[in-house]
């Protein structure tokens, strides 16, 4: 009986630590240097914390400043190496829309047309 409780406790601890590790990797800080739109929200210049819910086409990305949530938008999250050490923003220069954020290990795409790469943000 004690062995099964110990085993169950160990399994629960491992699952909690794995989910905490996975959620820790699903965030990034970006710097926006000009007013941009993402979804139906306008993002003013500044630093934003991005968090996302999952990989794949059902991802949701939340942009926040401090404790204030600025926007939550649907996205396509693709696990791939971008070659960038810091976030690189892809912007539709005509509509001033944030199209994609390329991070070192994941790409977050908000739309798919007319993206022009911007220089990596620091």
N, C-alpha and C. Protein backbone atom coordinates (compact mmCIF):
# COMPACT_ATOMS: atom_id res chain seq x y z
N UNK A 1 0.82 -1.20 0.00
CA UNK A 1 0.00 0.00 0.00
C UNK A 1 0.86 1.26 0.00
N UNK A 2 1.91 1.26 0.87
CA UNK A 2 2.80 2.42 0.92
C UNK A 2 3.55 2.58 -0.40
N UNK A 3 3.93 1.47 -1.01
CA UNK A 3 4.66 1.53 -2.28
C UNK A 3 3.79 2.13 -3.37
N UNK A 4 2.51 1.78 -3.42
CA UNK A 4 1.64 2.34 -4.46
C UNK A 4 1.39 3.83 -4.23
N UNK A 5 1.29 4.28 -2.98
CA UNK A 5 1.14 5.71 -2.71
C UNK A 5 2.40 6.46 -3.12
N UNK A 6 3.57 5.87 -2.82
CA UNK A 6 4.83 6.49 -3.21
C UNK A 6 4.94 6.58 -4.73
N UNK A 7 4.57 5.52 -5.42
CA UNK A 7 4.63 5.50 -6.88
C UNK A 7 3.67 6.54 -7.46
N UNK A 8 2.47 6.61 -6.94
CA UNK A 8 1.49 7.60 -7.41
C UNK A 8 1.99 9.02 -7.15
N UNK A 9 2.55 9.26 -5.99
CA UNK A 9 3.09 10.59 -5.68
C UNK A 9 4.23 10.95 -6.62
N UNK A 10 5.08 9.99 -6.92
CA UNK A 10 6.20 10.24 -7.83
C UNK A 10 5.70 10.57 -9.23
N UNK A 11 4.71 9.81 -9.70
CA UNK A 11 4.14 10.05 -11.03
C UNK A 11 3.52 11.44 -11.09
N UNK A 12 2.78 11.83 -10.08
CA UNK A 12 2.15 13.15 -10.04
C UNK A 12 3.21 14.25 -10.06
N UNK A 13 4.27 14.09 -9.28
CA UNK A 13 5.34 15.09 -9.26
C UNK A 13 6.03 15.21 -10.61
N UNK A 14 6.27 14.09 -11.26
CA UNK A 14 6.90 14.11 -12.58
C UNK A 14 6.00 14.81 -13.59
N UNK A 15 4.71 14.49 -13.58
CA UNK A 15 3.78 15.12 -14.51
C UNK A 15 3.69 16.62 -14.27
N UNK A 16 3.65 17.04 -13.02
CA UNK A 16 3.59 18.46 -12.72
C UNK A 16 4.86 19.17 -13.16
N UNK A 17 6.00 18.56 -12.94
CA UNK A 17 7.25 19.22 -13.34
C UNK A 17 7.39 19.28 -14.85
N UNK A 18 6.92 18.25 -15.58
CA UNK A 18 6.97 18.27 -17.04
C UNK A 18 6.04 19.34 -17.58
N UNK A 19 4.84 19.46 -17.04
CA UNK A 19 3.92 20.49 -17.54
C UNK A 19 4.43 21.88 -17.18
N UNK A 20 5.06 22.05 -16.03
CA UNK A 20 5.62 23.35 -15.68
C UNK A 20 6.78 23.68 -16.61
N UNK A 21 7.61 22.70 -16.93
CA UNK A 21 8.72 22.93 -17.87
C UNK A 21 8.19 23.29 -19.24
N UNK A 22 7.16 22.59 -19.71
CA UNK A 22 6.60 22.87 -21.04
C UNK A 22 5.98 24.27 -21.07
N UNK A 23 5.26 24.65 -20.04
CA UNK A 23 4.63 25.97 -20.05
C UNK A 23 5.67 27.08 -19.94
N UNK A 24 6.80 26.79 -19.28
CA UNK A 24 7.86 27.78 -19.17
C UNK A 24 8.46 28.09 -20.53
N UNK A 25 8.44 27.17 -21.46
CA UNK A 25 9.01 27.37 -22.78
C UNK A 25 8.03 28.06 -23.73
N UNK A 26 6.82 28.28 -23.33
CA UNK A 26 5.80 28.85 -24.20
C UNK A 26 5.59 30.33 -23.91
N UNK A 27 6.71 31.05 -23.81
CA UNK A 27 6.63 32.49 -23.58
C UNK A 27 7.88 33.14 -24.15
N UNK A 28 7.75 34.41 -24.48
CA UNK A 28 8.88 35.18 -25.01
C UNK A 28 8.58 36.66 -24.82
N UNK A 29 9.63 37.44 -24.76
CA UNK A 29 9.49 38.90 -24.71
C UNK A 29 9.89 39.45 -26.07
N UNK A 30 9.09 40.40 -26.56
CA UNK A 30 9.40 41.05 -27.83
C UNK A 30 9.36 42.56 -27.64
N UNK A 31 10.10 43.26 -28.47
CA UNK A 31 10.11 44.72 -28.49
C UNK A 31 9.50 45.16 -29.81
N UNK A 32 8.47 46.00 -29.73
CA UNK A 32 7.83 46.55 -30.92
C UNK A 32 8.21 48.02 -31.01
N UNK A 33 8.79 48.41 -32.15
CA UNK A 33 9.31 49.77 -32.32
C UNK A 33 8.35 50.72 -33.02
N UNK A 34 7.24 50.21 -33.54
CA UNK A 34 6.26 51.05 -34.22
C UNK A 34 4.86 50.52 -33.92
N UNK A 35 3.86 51.33 -34.13
CA UNK A 35 2.49 50.89 -33.90
C UNK A 35 2.14 49.81 -34.93
N UNK A 36 1.65 48.67 -34.43
CA UNK A 36 1.29 47.53 -35.29
C UNK A 36 -0.09 47.02 -34.89
N UNK A 37 -0.70 46.28 -35.80
CA UNK A 37 -1.96 45.59 -35.51
C UNK A 37 -1.69 44.09 -35.46
N UNK A 38 -2.36 43.44 -34.54
CA UNK A 38 -2.38 41.98 -34.49
C UNK A 38 -3.83 41.62 -34.20
N UNK A 39 -4.41 40.82 -35.08
CA UNK A 39 -5.85 40.59 -34.98
C UNK A 39 -6.56 41.92 -35.14
N UNK A 40 -7.48 42.22 -34.25
CA UNK A 40 -8.20 43.50 -34.32
C UNK A 40 -7.66 44.52 -33.32
N UNK A 41 -6.50 44.22 -32.72
CA UNK A 41 -5.95 45.07 -31.67
C UNK A 41 -4.74 45.84 -32.17
N UNK A 42 -4.63 47.09 -31.75
CA UNK A 42 -3.46 47.90 -32.06
C UNK A 42 -2.46 47.75 -30.92
N UNK A 43 -1.21 47.43 -31.27
CA UNK A 43 -0.13 47.35 -30.30
C UNK A 43 0.74 48.59 -30.45
N UNK A 44 0.85 49.37 -29.40
CA UNK A 44 1.70 50.56 -29.41
C UNK A 44 3.15 50.13 -29.22
N UNK A 45 4.10 50.98 -29.59
CA UNK A 45 5.51 50.64 -29.37
C UNK A 45 5.76 50.33 -27.90
N UNK A 46 6.61 49.35 -27.66
CA UNK A 46 6.94 48.97 -26.29
C UNK A 46 7.34 47.52 -26.20
N UNK A 47 7.61 47.06 -24.99
CA UNK A 47 7.97 45.67 -24.74
C UNK A 47 6.72 44.89 -24.34
N UNK A 48 6.58 43.70 -24.93
CA UNK A 48 5.43 42.83 -24.67
C UNK A 48 5.91 41.44 -24.27
N UNK A 49 5.18 40.83 -23.37
CA UNK A 49 5.39 39.43 -23.06
C UNK A 49 4.36 38.65 -23.86
N UNK A 50 4.83 37.67 -24.63
CA UNK A 50 3.94 36.79 -25.38
C UNK A 50 3.91 35.43 -24.70
N UNK A 51 2.71 34.90 -24.53
CA UNK A 51 2.55 33.53 -24.05
C UNK A 51 1.59 32.84 -25.00
N UNK A 52 1.80 31.54 -25.22
CA UNK A 52 0.89 30.82 -26.11
C UNK A 52 0.52 29.50 -25.47
N UNK A 53 -0.62 28.97 -25.93
CA UNK A 53 -1.24 27.84 -25.26
C UNK A 53 -0.78 26.48 -25.74
N UNK A 54 -0.41 26.35 -27.00
CA UNK A 54 -0.05 25.03 -27.53
C UNK A 54 0.61 25.19 -28.89
N UNK A 55 1.12 24.09 -29.41
CA UNK A 55 1.65 24.09 -30.77
C UNK A 55 0.55 23.72 -31.74
N UNK A 56 0.74 24.06 -33.00
CA UNK A 56 -0.24 23.71 -34.02
C UNK A 56 -1.14 24.87 -34.36
N UNK A 57 -2.20 24.55 -35.10
CA UNK A 57 -3.08 25.59 -35.62
C UNK A 57 -4.10 26.09 -34.61
N UNK A 58 -4.19 25.47 -33.44
CA UNK A 58 -5.15 25.91 -32.43
C UNK A 58 -4.52 26.77 -31.34
N UNK A 59 -3.33 27.27 -31.58
CA UNK A 59 -2.65 28.07 -30.56
C UNK A 59 -3.35 29.41 -30.37
N UNK A 60 -3.25 29.94 -29.17
CA UNK A 60 -3.69 31.30 -28.87
C UNK A 60 -2.51 32.02 -28.25
N UNK A 61 -2.21 33.19 -28.75
CA UNK A 61 -1.10 33.99 -28.25
C UNK A 61 -1.66 35.18 -27.49
N UNK A 62 -1.16 35.39 -26.29
CA UNK A 62 -1.55 36.54 -25.48
C UNK A 62 -0.39 37.51 -25.40
N UNK A 63 -0.67 38.77 -25.70
CA UNK A 63 0.31 39.85 -25.59
C UNK A 63 -0.03 40.61 -24.33
N UNK A 64 0.94 40.79 -23.44
CA UNK A 64 0.68 41.52 -22.20
C UNK A 64 1.84 42.45 -21.88
N UNK A 65 1.51 43.47 -21.11
CA UNK A 65 2.50 44.41 -20.57
C UNK A 65 2.27 44.45 -19.07
N UNK A 66 3.26 44.01 -18.33
CA UNK A 66 3.06 43.87 -16.89
C UNK A 66 1.98 42.83 -16.65
N UNK A 67 0.99 43.19 -15.87
CA UNK A 67 -0.11 42.26 -15.61
C UNK A 67 -1.32 42.52 -16.50
N UNK A 68 -1.20 43.50 -17.40
CA UNK A 68 -2.32 43.88 -18.26
C UNK A 68 -2.27 43.11 -19.58
N UNK A 69 -3.34 42.38 -19.87
CA UNK A 69 -3.45 41.68 -21.14
C UNK A 69 -3.91 42.68 -22.20
N UNK A 70 -3.12 42.80 -23.27
CA UNK A 70 -3.41 43.75 -24.33
C UNK A 70 -4.23 43.09 -25.43
N UNK A 71 -3.86 41.85 -25.79
CA UNK A 71 -4.57 41.15 -26.87
C UNK A 71 -4.37 39.65 -26.72
N UNK A 72 -5.37 38.90 -27.16
CA UNK A 72 -5.27 37.44 -27.30
C UNK A 72 -5.76 37.12 -28.70
N UNK A 73 -4.90 36.47 -29.49
CA UNK A 73 -5.21 36.21 -30.89
C UNK A 73 -4.91 34.76 -31.26
N UNK A 74 -5.65 34.20 -32.22
CA UNK A 74 -5.34 32.85 -32.69
C UNK A 74 -4.04 32.87 -33.51
N UNK A 75 -3.34 31.75 -33.50
CA UNK A 75 -2.07 31.68 -34.22
C UNK A 75 -1.78 30.24 -34.63
N UNK A 76 -0.83 30.11 -35.52
CA UNK A 76 -0.25 28.83 -35.90
C UNK A 76 1.12 28.78 -35.24
N UNK A 77 1.34 27.85 -34.33
CA UNK A 77 2.64 27.69 -33.67
C UNK A 77 3.34 26.47 -34.25
N UNK A 78 4.51 26.72 -34.85
CA UNK A 78 5.26 25.65 -35.50
C UNK A 78 6.62 25.51 -34.83
N UNK A 79 6.91 24.29 -34.37
CA UNK A 79 8.21 24.02 -33.75
C UNK A 79 9.25 23.89 -34.86
N UNK A 80 10.14 24.88 -34.96
CA UNK A 80 11.22 24.82 -35.93
C UNK A 80 12.32 25.78 -35.51
N UNK A 81 13.53 25.45 -35.86
CA UNK A 81 14.67 26.32 -35.56
C UNK A 81 14.70 27.44 -36.58
N UNK A 82 14.70 28.68 -36.10
CA UNK A 82 14.66 29.83 -37.01
C UNK A 82 16.05 30.30 -37.40
N UNK A 83 17.05 30.01 -36.59
CA UNK A 83 18.37 30.54 -36.84
C UNK A 83 18.60 31.87 -36.15
N UNK A 84 17.57 32.45 -35.57
CA UNK A 84 17.67 33.72 -34.85
C UNK A 84 17.94 33.45 -33.38
N UNK A 85 18.74 34.29 -32.75
CA UNK A 85 18.98 34.18 -31.31
C UNK A 85 17.94 34.95 -30.52
N UNK A 86 17.37 35.96 -31.14
CA UNK A 86 16.34 36.77 -30.49
C UNK A 86 15.13 36.83 -31.41
N UNK A 87 13.98 37.28 -30.90
CA UNK A 87 12.78 37.32 -31.73
C UNK A 87 12.96 38.16 -32.98
N UNK A 88 12.46 37.64 -34.10
CA UNK A 88 12.44 38.39 -35.36
C UNK A 88 10.97 38.59 -35.75
N UNK A 89 10.59 39.84 -35.97
CA UNK A 89 9.20 40.15 -36.30
C UNK A 89 9.05 40.26 -37.81
N UNK A 90 8.01 39.64 -38.34
CA UNK A 90 7.67 39.79 -39.75
C UNK A 90 6.41 40.67 -39.80
N UNK A 91 6.53 41.74 -40.56
CA UNK A 91 5.49 42.77 -40.56
C UNK A 91 5.01 43.00 -41.99
N UNK A 92 3.69 43.09 -42.17
CA UNK A 92 3.13 43.54 -43.44
C UNK A 92 3.30 45.05 -43.43
N UNK A 93 4.23 45.55 -44.26
CA UNK A 93 4.58 46.96 -44.21
C UNK A 93 3.47 47.87 -44.73
N UNK A 94 2.58 47.34 -45.55
CA UNK A 94 1.48 48.16 -46.08
C UNK A 94 0.42 48.39 -45.01
N UNK A 95 -0.02 47.32 -44.36
CA UNK A 95 -1.09 47.45 -43.37
C UNK A 95 -0.58 47.61 -41.94
N UNK A 96 0.75 47.58 -41.75
CA UNK A 96 1.36 47.68 -40.42
C UNK A 96 0.80 46.61 -39.49
N UNK A 97 0.76 45.37 -40.02
CA UNK A 97 0.22 44.24 -39.28
C UNK A 97 1.34 43.27 -38.92
N UNK A 98 1.35 42.82 -37.68
CA UNK A 98 2.29 41.79 -37.26
C UNK A 98 1.83 40.46 -37.84
N UNK A 99 2.66 39.88 -38.70
CA UNK A 99 2.29 38.66 -39.41
C UNK A 99 2.85 37.43 -38.71
N UNK A 100 4.08 37.54 -38.20
CA UNK A 100 4.74 36.36 -37.64
C UNK A 100 5.83 36.81 -36.67
N UNK A 101 6.08 35.98 -35.68
CA UNK A 101 7.21 36.16 -34.78
C UNK A 101 8.02 34.87 -34.84
N UNK A 102 9.27 35.00 -35.25
CA UNK A 102 10.18 33.85 -35.31
C UNK A 102 11.08 33.89 -34.09
N UNK A 103 10.99 32.85 -33.28
CA UNK A 103 11.82 32.69 -32.09
C UNK A 103 12.85 31.60 -32.37
N UNK A 104 13.84 31.43 -31.51
CA UNK A 104 14.87 30.42 -31.79
C UNK A 104 14.32 29.01 -32.05
N UNK A 105 13.26 28.60 -31.37
CA UNK A 105 12.77 27.22 -31.53
C UNK A 105 11.31 27.11 -31.98
N UNK A 106 10.62 28.23 -32.17
CA UNK A 106 9.21 28.18 -32.56
C UNK A 106 8.88 29.40 -33.42
N UNK A 107 7.94 29.20 -34.32
CA UNK A 107 7.46 30.29 -35.17
C UNK A 107 5.97 30.47 -34.90
N UNK A 108 5.55 31.70 -34.64
CA UNK A 108 4.14 32.01 -34.37
C UNK A 108 3.62 32.85 -35.52
N UNK A 109 2.68 32.31 -36.28
CA UNK A 109 2.16 32.98 -37.46
C UNK A 109 0.73 33.43 -37.21
N UNK A 110 0.47 34.72 -37.51
CA UNK A 110 -0.86 35.29 -37.29
C UNK A 110 -1.64 35.42 -38.58
N UNK A 111 -0.96 35.64 -39.70
CA UNK A 111 -1.56 35.63 -41.03
C UNK A 111 -0.51 35.09 -41.98
N UNK A 112 -0.81 35.02 -43.27
CA UNK A 112 0.15 34.37 -44.16
C UNK A 112 0.54 35.16 -45.39
N UNK A 113 0.09 36.39 -45.53
CA UNK A 113 0.37 37.12 -46.77
C UNK A 113 1.24 38.35 -46.54
N UNK A 114 2.02 38.69 -47.57
CA UNK A 114 2.76 39.96 -47.66
C UNK A 114 3.67 40.26 -46.48
N UNK A 115 4.38 39.27 -45.98
CA UNK A 115 5.28 39.51 -44.87
C UNK A 115 6.64 39.97 -45.37
N UNK A 116 7.15 41.01 -44.78
CA UNK A 116 8.50 41.48 -45.05
C UNK A 116 9.28 41.36 -43.76
N UNK A 117 10.41 40.63 -43.75
CA UNK A 117 11.13 40.44 -42.49
C UNK A 117 11.67 41.77 -41.96
N UNK A 118 11.52 41.97 -40.67
CA UNK A 118 12.12 43.13 -40.01
C UNK A 118 13.38 42.64 -39.31
N UNK A 119 14.21 43.55 -38.88
CA UNK A 119 15.43 43.14 -38.18
C UNK A 119 15.05 42.53 -36.83
N UNK A 120 15.87 41.58 -36.35
CA UNK A 120 15.56 40.93 -35.07
C UNK A 120 15.48 41.95 -33.95
N UNK A 121 14.50 41.75 -33.07
CA UNK A 121 14.34 42.63 -31.90
C UNK A 121 15.28 42.18 -30.80
N UNK A 122 15.71 43.09 -29.99
CA UNK A 122 16.60 42.74 -28.86
C UNK A 122 15.88 42.79 -27.57
